[in-house]
Amino acid sequence: MAKTRKRKSQIVKVMNFLNTGKNLTARSAISRFGVYRLAAVIHVLRTRFDMDITTSINKKGFATYSLTTK
């Protein structure tokens, strides 16, 4: 008998988090979801799921991702 997958994928976790209206940084993605390549997940969300995600770069050069409000 095959195992059913109980865990959500990293892409789904990040998508659901951004849909709540919160911002996400690489550091918070690692601690919350175990996502070490957040930029790659954001790329998938932009291309495959057609999500309008804004990237903000702070003074230290770190990116913060959020959904664009319409």
N, C-alpha and C. Protein backbone atom coordinates (compact mmCIF):
# COMPACT_ATOMS: atom_id res chain seq x y z
N MET A 1 0.84 -1.17 0.00
CA MET A 1 0.00 0.00 0.00
C MET A 1 0.89 1.24 0.00
N ALA A 2 0.58 2.20 -0.84
CA ALA A 2 1.38 3.40 -0.96
C ALA A 2 1.06 4.37 0.17
N LYS A 3 2.09 5.09 0.60
CA LYS A 3 1.90 6.10 1.63
C LYS A 3 1.23 7.33 1.03
N THR A 4 0.34 7.92 1.80
CA THR A 4 -0.23 9.18 1.35
C THR A 4 0.65 10.30 1.86
N ARG A 5 0.79 11.31 1.05
CA ARG A 5 1.65 12.42 1.40
C ARG A 5 0.92 13.36 2.34
N LYS A 6 1.46 13.53 3.54
CA LYS A 6 0.81 14.36 4.54
C LYS A 6 1.39 15.76 4.60
N ARG A 7 2.64 15.91 4.22
CA ARG A 7 3.29 17.20 4.31
C ARG A 7 3.00 18.05 3.08
N LYS A 8 2.81 19.33 3.31
CA LYS A 8 2.64 20.24 2.19
C LYS A 8 4.01 20.54 1.60
N SER A 9 4.04 20.77 0.31
CA SER A 9 5.31 21.10 -0.32
C SER A 9 5.74 22.50 0.12
N GLN A 10 7.01 22.79 -0.06
CA GLN A 10 7.53 24.10 0.30
C GLN A 10 6.84 25.19 -0.50
N ILE A 11 6.53 24.90 -1.76
CA ILE A 11 5.89 25.90 -2.61
C ILE A 11 4.51 26.25 -2.06
N VAL A 12 3.75 25.24 -1.68
CA VAL A 12 2.41 25.47 -1.14
C VAL A 12 2.48 26.22 0.19
N LYS A 13 3.44 25.89 1.02
CA LYS A 13 3.59 26.57 2.30
C LYS A 13 3.88 28.06 2.10
N VAL A 14 4.82 28.36 1.20
CA VAL A 14 5.17 29.76 0.94
C VAL A 14 3.99 30.49 0.30
N MET A 15 3.30 29.84 -0.63
CA MET A 15 2.14 30.45 -1.28
C MET A 15 1.06 30.80 -0.26
N ASN A 16 0.75 29.87 0.61
CA ASN A 16 -0.28 30.11 1.64
C ASN A 16 0.14 31.24 2.57
N PHE A 17 1.42 31.27 2.94
CA PHE A 17 1.91 32.32 3.84
C PHE A 17 1.80 33.69 3.18
N LEU A 18 2.22 33.81 1.92
CA LEU A 18 2.13 35.09 1.24
C LEU A 18 0.69 35.52 1.02
N ASN A 19 -0.21 34.56 0.83
CA ASN A 19 -1.62 34.90 0.65
C ASN A 19 -2.26 35.48 1.91
N THR A 20 -1.62 35.31 3.06
CA THR A 20 -2.14 35.93 4.29
C THR A 20 -1.82 37.42 4.35
N GLY A 21 -0.97 37.90 3.43
CA GLY A 21 -0.63 39.32 3.40
C GLY A 21 0.65 39.66 4.13
N LYS A 22 1.37 38.66 4.61
CA LYS A 22 2.60 38.90 5.35
C LYS A 22 3.80 38.92 4.41
N ASN A 23 4.91 39.50 4.90
CA ASN A 23 6.16 39.53 4.16
C ASN A 23 7.01 38.32 4.54
N LEU A 24 7.91 37.94 3.63
CA LEU A 24 8.75 36.78 3.87
C LEU A 24 10.18 37.08 3.46
N THR A 25 11.13 36.78 4.35
CA THR A 25 12.55 36.91 4.04
C THR A 25 13.16 35.52 3.98
N ALA A 26 14.37 35.43 3.48
CA ALA A 26 15.06 34.14 3.40
C ALA A 26 15.24 33.54 4.79
N ARG A 27 15.60 34.37 5.75
CA ARG A 27 15.82 33.88 7.12
C ARG A 27 14.53 33.33 7.72
N SER A 28 13.42 34.05 7.53
CA SER A 28 12.16 33.57 8.08
C SER A 28 11.66 32.33 7.34
N ALA A 29 11.97 32.21 6.05
CA ALA A 29 11.57 31.02 5.29
C ALA A 29 12.31 29.78 5.78
N ILE A 30 13.56 29.95 6.16
CA ILE A 30 14.34 28.83 6.69
C ILE A 30 13.76 28.38 8.03
N SER A 31 13.50 29.34 8.90
CA SER A 31 13.02 28.97 10.23
C SER A 31 11.58 28.45 10.22
N ARG A 32 10.73 29.02 9.39
CA ARG A 32 9.32 28.61 9.36
C ARG A 32 9.08 27.34 8.58
N PHE A 33 9.70 27.25 7.38
CA PHE A 33 9.34 26.18 6.45
C PHE A 33 10.50 25.27 6.05
N GLY A 34 11.72 25.60 6.44
CA GLY A 34 12.87 24.81 6.01
C GLY A 34 13.24 25.05 4.56
N VAL A 35 12.87 26.21 4.03
CA VAL A 35 13.15 26.56 2.63
C VAL A 35 14.49 27.29 2.60
N TYR A 36 15.48 26.68 1.96
CA TYR A 36 16.80 27.29 1.86
C TYR A 36 16.99 28.04 0.55
N ARG A 37 16.16 27.79 -0.43
CA ARG A 37 16.26 28.47 -1.72
C ARG A 37 14.96 29.22 -2.00
N LEU A 38 14.70 30.25 -1.20
CA LEU A 38 13.45 30.99 -1.31
C LEU A 38 13.31 31.65 -2.67
N ALA A 39 14.38 32.16 -3.23
CA ALA A 39 14.30 32.81 -4.55
C ALA A 39 13.80 31.83 -5.61
N ALA A 40 14.19 30.57 -5.52
CA ALA A 40 13.74 29.57 -6.47
C ALA A 40 12.24 29.30 -6.29
N VAL A 41 11.79 29.25 -5.05
CA VAL A 41 10.36 29.04 -4.79
C VAL A 41 9.56 30.23 -5.30
N ILE A 42 10.06 31.44 -5.08
CA ILE A 42 9.39 32.65 -5.56
C ILE A 42 9.31 32.63 -7.08
N HIS A 43 10.38 32.19 -7.73
CA HIS A 43 10.38 32.09 -9.20
C HIS A 43 9.28 31.14 -9.68
N VAL A 44 9.15 30.00 -9.04
CA VAL A 44 8.10 29.04 -9.40
C VAL A 44 6.72 29.65 -9.20
N LEU A 45 6.53 30.35 -8.09
CA LEU A 45 5.23 30.97 -7.83
C LEU A 45 4.91 32.03 -8.87
N ARG A 46 5.90 32.77 -9.31
CA ARG A 46 5.68 33.81 -10.33
C ARG A 46 5.38 33.21 -11.70
N THR A 47 6.09 32.14 -12.06
CA THR A 47 5.95 31.60 -13.41
C THR A 47 4.81 30.60 -13.54
N ARG A 48 4.77 29.61 -12.67
CA ARG A 48 3.76 28.55 -12.78
C ARG A 48 2.40 28.96 -12.23
N PHE A 49 2.40 29.74 -11.16
CA PHE A 49 1.15 30.09 -10.50
C PHE A 49 0.72 31.52 -10.80
N ASP A 50 1.51 32.24 -11.59
CA ASP A 50 1.19 33.60 -12.03
C ASP A 50 0.87 34.52 -10.86
N MET A 51 1.66 34.41 -9.79
CA MET A 51 1.47 35.27 -8.63
C MET A 51 2.25 36.56 -8.82
N ASP A 52 1.67 37.67 -8.42
CA ASP A 52 2.30 38.98 -8.53
C ASP A 52 3.02 39.27 -7.22
N ILE A 53 4.29 38.92 -7.15
CA ILE A 53 5.08 39.03 -5.92
C ILE A 53 6.08 40.17 -6.08
N THR A 54 6.12 41.05 -5.09
CA THR A 54 7.03 42.18 -5.08
C THR A 54 8.27 41.84 -4.27
N THR A 55 9.42 42.26 -4.77
CA THR A 55 10.69 42.07 -4.06
C THR A 55 11.20 43.43 -3.61
N SER A 56 11.47 43.55 -2.32
CA SER A 56 12.06 44.76 -1.77
C SER A 56 13.43 44.40 -1.22
N ILE A 57 14.42 45.22 -1.52
CA ILE A 57 15.79 45.00 -1.04
C ILE A 57 16.09 46.04 0.03
N ASN A 58 16.51 45.57 1.22
CA ASN A 58 16.83 46.53 2.28
C ASN A 58 18.26 47.05 2.12
N LYS A 59 18.70 47.89 3.05
CA LYS A 59 20.02 48.52 2.96
C LYS A 59 21.17 47.52 3.02
N LYS A 60 20.94 46.40 3.68
CA LYS A 60 21.98 45.39 3.79
C LYS A 60 22.00 44.42 2.60
N GLY A 61 21.04 44.56 1.68
CA GLY A 61 21.00 43.74 0.49
C GLY A 61 20.14 42.49 0.58
N PHE A 62 19.35 42.38 1.65
CA PHE A 62 18.48 41.22 1.81
C PHE A 62 17.12 41.49 1.20
N ALA A 63 16.56 40.47 0.54
CA ALA A 63 15.27 40.60 -0.13
C ALA A 63 14.13 40.26 0.82
N THR A 64 13.04 40.98 0.66
CA THR A 64 11.78 40.71 1.35
C THR A 64 10.72 40.56 0.27
N TYR A 65 9.98 39.47 0.33
CA TYR A 65 8.96 39.18 -0.67
C TYR A 65 7.58 39.37 -0.08
N SER A 66 6.68 39.92 -0.89
CA SER A 66 5.28 40.09 -0.49
C SER A 66 4.41 40.09 -1.73
N LEU A 67 3.13 39.80 -1.53
CA LEU A 67 2.19 39.86 -2.64
C LEU A 67 1.89 41.32 -2.95
N THR A 68 1.79 41.64 -4.21
CA THR A 68 1.45 43.00 -4.62
C THR A 68 -0.03 43.22 -4.38
N THR A 69 -0.34 44.31 -3.69
CA THR A 69 -1.74 44.62 -3.44
C THR A 69 -2.31 45.35 -4.65
N LYS A 70 -3.53 45.01 -4.96
CA LYS A 70 -4.15 45.61 -6.15
C LYS A 70 -5.22 46.59 -5.76
